[in-house]
Structure formats: structure tokens, C-alpha cells
Amino acid sequence: MNSKMTKDELIKLVEQICDPKLPDELGSKYIDILKANVPHPALSDLIFWDFRDLTPEEIVEIALNYKKKEEK
């Protein structure tokens, strides 16, 4: 995984994904872009289903810092 986007760009993308006015097909495209730039395997869960009500900044931080169990 090579991050091609800056952290600020990723945060802006998450903010757009969280906008309820964003069309579903565009949201799916943005999630695919995020997945290509962060190592977290359950990125959409962080955005839509996490019980902690994370901010876009927190979502990106968690996604960028994810490490598989065997890598820890």
C-alpha cells in the first residue's frame, strides 16, 4: 500500500463521503479511492458503522495507522 494522497486530502474525502447529499455511486467511488490509499481492511465500517461516532480526522488517523496483527 503506497499512499498517494496526503492526510488532508484523505480527510476531505471522508468529509465528502459523510455528506448525506452525496449520491451513492459517487460515495462508492470515493470509498474505493480511500481503500487504495490506506491499509485498514474495514474502512467503510469505520465511516458508517463505528459506535464511537468518529470525526473524519479520527477515521483517517485510525485507517492510516492500521497494522495487521502479525505485523505488530
N, C-alpha and C. Protein backbone atom coordinates (compact mmCIF):
# COMPACT_ATOMS: atom_id res chain seq x y z
N MET A 1 0.84 -1.17 0.00
CA MET A 1 0.00 0.00 0.00
C MET A 1 0.89 1.24 0.00
N ASN A 2 0.84 1.97 -1.06
CA ASN A 2 1.55 3.23 -1.17
C ASN A 2 0.53 4.35 -1.12
N SER A 3 0.62 5.19 -0.13
CA SER A 3 -0.32 6.30 -0.02
C SER A 3 0.01 7.33 -1.09
N LYS A 4 -0.97 7.60 -1.92
CA LYS A 4 -0.79 8.57 -2.99
C LYS A 4 -1.39 9.91 -2.61
N MET A 5 -2.27 9.91 -1.63
CA MET A 5 -2.95 11.13 -1.20
C MET A 5 -2.37 11.60 0.13
N THR A 6 -2.43 12.89 0.36
CA THR A 6 -1.98 13.42 1.65
C THR A 6 -3.05 13.16 2.70
N LYS A 7 -2.66 13.28 3.94
CA LYS A 7 -3.61 13.10 5.04
C LYS A 7 -4.77 14.10 4.91
N ASP A 8 -4.47 15.34 4.59
CA ASP A 8 -5.52 16.35 4.43
C ASP A 8 -6.48 16.00 3.29
N GLU A 9 -5.95 15.46 2.20
CA GLU A 9 -6.80 15.05 1.08
C GLU A 9 -7.71 13.89 1.50
N LEU A 10 -7.17 12.96 2.27
CA LEU A 10 -7.97 11.83 2.76
C LEU A 10 -9.08 12.32 3.67
N ILE A 11 -8.77 13.27 4.54
CA ILE A 11 -9.78 13.83 5.45
C ILE A 11 -10.90 14.49 4.65
N LYS A 12 -10.55 15.27 3.65
CA LYS A 12 -11.56 15.93 2.81
C LYS A 12 -12.44 14.89 2.10
N LEU A 13 -11.83 13.80 1.68
CA LEU A 13 -12.59 12.74 1.02
C LEU A 13 -13.57 12.09 1.99
N VAL A 14 -13.14 11.83 3.22
CA VAL A 14 -14.04 11.27 4.23
C VAL A 14 -15.17 12.25 4.54
N GLU A 15 -14.86 13.53 4.61
CA GLU A 15 -15.90 14.54 4.85
C GLU A 15 -16.95 14.48 3.74
N GLN A 16 -16.51 14.33 2.50
CA GLN A 16 -17.45 14.24 1.38
C GLN A 16 -18.28 12.97 1.47
N ILE A 17 -17.66 11.87 1.84
CA ILE A 17 -18.38 10.60 1.97
C ILE A 17 -19.45 10.70 3.05
N CYS A 18 -19.18 11.43 4.10
CA CYS A 18 -20.11 11.57 5.22
C CYS A 18 -21.26 12.53 4.92
N ASP A 19 -21.18 13.25 3.82
CA ASP A 19 -22.23 14.20 3.44
C ASP A 19 -23.45 13.41 2.96
N PRO A 20 -24.59 13.54 3.65
CA PRO A 20 -25.77 12.76 3.25
C PRO A 20 -26.31 13.13 1.86
N LYS A 21 -25.89 14.25 1.31
CA LYS A 21 -26.34 14.66 -0.02
C LYS A 21 -25.52 14.03 -1.15
N LEU A 22 -24.43 13.36 -0.79
CA LEU A 22 -23.57 12.74 -1.80
C LEU A 22 -24.30 11.55 -2.43
N PRO A 23 -24.40 11.51 -3.77
CA PRO A 23 -25.03 10.36 -4.43
C PRO A 23 -24.29 9.06 -4.09
N ASP A 24 -25.05 7.97 -3.95
CA ASP A 24 -24.47 6.67 -3.57
C ASP A 24 -23.34 6.23 -4.49
N GLU A 25 -23.52 6.39 -5.81
CA GLU A 25 -22.49 5.92 -6.73
C GLU A 25 -21.19 6.71 -6.57
N LEU A 26 -21.30 7.98 -6.24
CA LEU A 26 -20.10 8.78 -6.01
C LEU A 26 -19.46 8.39 -4.68
N GLY A 27 -20.28 8.10 -3.67
CA GLY A 27 -19.76 7.64 -2.38
C GLY A 27 -18.99 6.35 -2.53
N SER A 28 -19.50 5.43 -3.33
CA SER A 28 -18.81 4.16 -3.58
C SER A 28 -17.46 4.40 -4.26
N LYS A 29 -17.44 5.31 -5.21
CA LYS A 29 -16.19 5.63 -5.90
C LYS A 29 -15.17 6.22 -4.92
N TYR A 30 -15.63 7.12 -4.05
CA TYR A 30 -14.73 7.74 -3.07
C TYR A 30 -14.19 6.72 -2.08
N ILE A 31 -15.03 5.77 -1.67
CA ILE A 31 -14.57 4.72 -0.76
C ILE A 31 -13.50 3.86 -1.44
N ASP A 32 -13.68 3.56 -2.71
CA ASP A 32 -12.66 2.81 -3.45
C ASP A 32 -11.33 3.58 -3.49
N ILE A 33 -11.41 4.89 -3.66
CA ILE A 33 -10.20 5.72 -3.66
C ILE A 33 -9.53 5.65 -2.29
N LEU A 34 -10.32 5.76 -1.22
CA LEU A 34 -9.77 5.66 0.13
C LEU A 34 -9.10 4.32 0.36
N LYS A 35 -9.78 3.25 -0.04
CA LYS A 35 -9.23 1.90 0.16
C LYS A 35 -7.89 1.72 -0.53
N ALA A 36 -7.70 2.41 -1.64
CA ALA A 36 -6.43 2.32 -2.37
C ALA A 36 -5.31 3.10 -1.68
N ASN A 37 -5.67 3.92 -0.69
CA ASN A 37 -4.69 4.80 -0.06
C ASN A 37 -4.43 4.53 1.41
N VAL A 38 -5.18 3.61 2.02
CA VAL A 38 -4.97 3.30 3.44
C VAL A 38 -4.99 1.78 3.64
N PRO A 39 -4.31 1.27 4.66
CA PRO A 39 -4.22 -0.17 4.86
C PRO A 39 -5.40 -0.80 5.61
N HIS A 40 -6.30 -0.02 6.16
CA HIS A 40 -7.38 -0.57 7.00
C HIS A 40 -8.34 -1.41 6.15
N PRO A 41 -8.61 -2.67 6.55
CA PRO A 41 -9.44 -3.56 5.74
C PRO A 41 -10.94 -3.30 5.85
N ALA A 42 -11.37 -2.59 6.88
CA ALA A 42 -12.81 -2.35 7.11
C ALA A 42 -13.09 -0.85 7.15
N LEU A 43 -12.63 -0.17 6.15
CA LEU A 43 -12.73 1.29 6.11
C LEU A 43 -14.17 1.78 6.16
N SER A 44 -15.05 1.17 5.39
CA SER A 44 -16.45 1.63 5.39
C SER A 44 -17.11 1.40 6.75
N ASP A 45 -16.68 0.38 7.48
CA ASP A 45 -17.19 0.18 8.84
C ASP A 45 -16.80 1.35 9.74
N LEU A 46 -15.59 1.84 9.60
CA LEU A 46 -15.16 3.00 10.40
C LEU A 46 -16.03 4.22 10.10
N ILE A 47 -16.38 4.38 8.85
CA ILE A 47 -17.13 5.56 8.43
C ILE A 47 -18.60 5.45 8.81
N PHE A 48 -19.22 4.30 8.54
CA PHE A 48 -20.67 4.20 8.66
C PHE A 48 -21.18 3.45 9.88
N TRP A 49 -20.39 2.55 10.46
CA TRP A 49 -20.92 1.67 11.50
C TRP A 49 -20.19 1.75 12.83
N ASP A 50 -19.18 2.57 12.95
CA ASP A 50 -18.42 2.62 14.20
C ASP A 50 -19.25 3.31 15.29
N PHE A 51 -19.36 2.67 16.43
CA PHE A 51 -20.17 3.18 17.54
C PHE A 51 -19.58 4.42 18.19
N ARG A 52 -18.33 4.73 17.90
CA ARG A 52 -17.66 5.85 18.57
C ARG A 52 -17.99 7.20 17.94
N ASP A 53 -18.72 7.24 16.84
CA ASP A 53 -19.07 8.49 16.17
C ASP A 53 -17.81 9.30 15.88
N LEU A 54 -16.92 8.70 15.10
CA LEU A 54 -15.61 9.28 14.81
C LEU A 54 -15.69 10.48 13.88
N THR A 55 -14.79 11.42 14.06
CA THR A 55 -14.67 12.55 13.14
C THR A 55 -13.90 12.08 11.90
N PRO A 56 -13.99 12.81 10.79
CA PRO A 56 -13.19 12.43 9.61
C PRO A 56 -11.70 12.35 9.93
N GLU A 57 -11.21 13.25 10.77
CA GLU A 57 -9.80 13.22 11.15
C GLU A 57 -9.44 11.93 11.90
N GLU A 58 -10.33 11.51 12.82
CA GLU A 58 -10.09 10.29 13.58
C GLU A 58 -10.16 9.06 12.68
N ILE A 59 -11.09 9.05 11.74
CA ILE A 59 -11.22 7.93 10.81
C ILE A 59 -9.93 7.77 10.00
N VAL A 60 -9.43 8.86 9.47
CA VAL A 60 -8.21 8.81 8.67
C VAL A 60 -7.02 8.38 9.53
N GLU A 61 -6.93 8.89 10.73
CA GLU A 61 -5.82 8.53 11.63
C GLU A 61 -5.82 7.02 11.91
N ILE A 62 -6.98 6.48 12.24
CA ILE A 62 -7.10 5.04 12.51
C ILE A 62 -6.76 4.24 11.25
N ALA A 63 -7.30 4.66 10.12
CA ALA A 63 -7.08 3.93 8.87
C ALA A 63 -5.61 3.94 8.45
N LEU A 64 -4.94 5.06 8.63
CA LEU A 64 -3.53 5.15 8.24
C LEU A 64 -2.62 4.37 9.18
N ASN A 65 -3.02 4.26 10.44
CA ASN A 65 -2.16 3.61 11.44
C ASN A 65 -2.47 2.13 11.64
N TYR A 66 -3.40 1.59 10.85
CA TYR A 66 -3.77 0.18 10.99
C TYR A 66 -2.59 -0.72 10.64
N LYS A 67 -2.40 -1.73 11.47
CA LYS A 67 -1.38 -2.75 11.20
C LYS A 67 -2.03 -4.11 11.45
N LYS A 68 -1.75 -5.06 10.57
CA LYS A 68 -2.25 -6.41 10.77
C LYS A 68 -1.66 -6.97 12.05
N LYS A 69 -2.39 -7.90 12.68
CA LYS A 69 -1.93 -8.48 13.95
C LYS A 69 -0.52 -9.05 13.85
N GLU A 70 -0.22 -9.72 12.77
CA GLU A 70 1.11 -10.34 12.66
C GLU A 70 2.21 -9.30 12.44
N GLU A 71 1.85 -8.07 12.08
CA GLU A 71 2.85 -7.01 11.88
C GLU A 71 3.16 -6.27 13.17
N LYS A 72 2.33 -6.43 14.18
CA LYS A 72 2.50 -5.68 15.43
C LYS A 72 3.70 -6.14 16.21
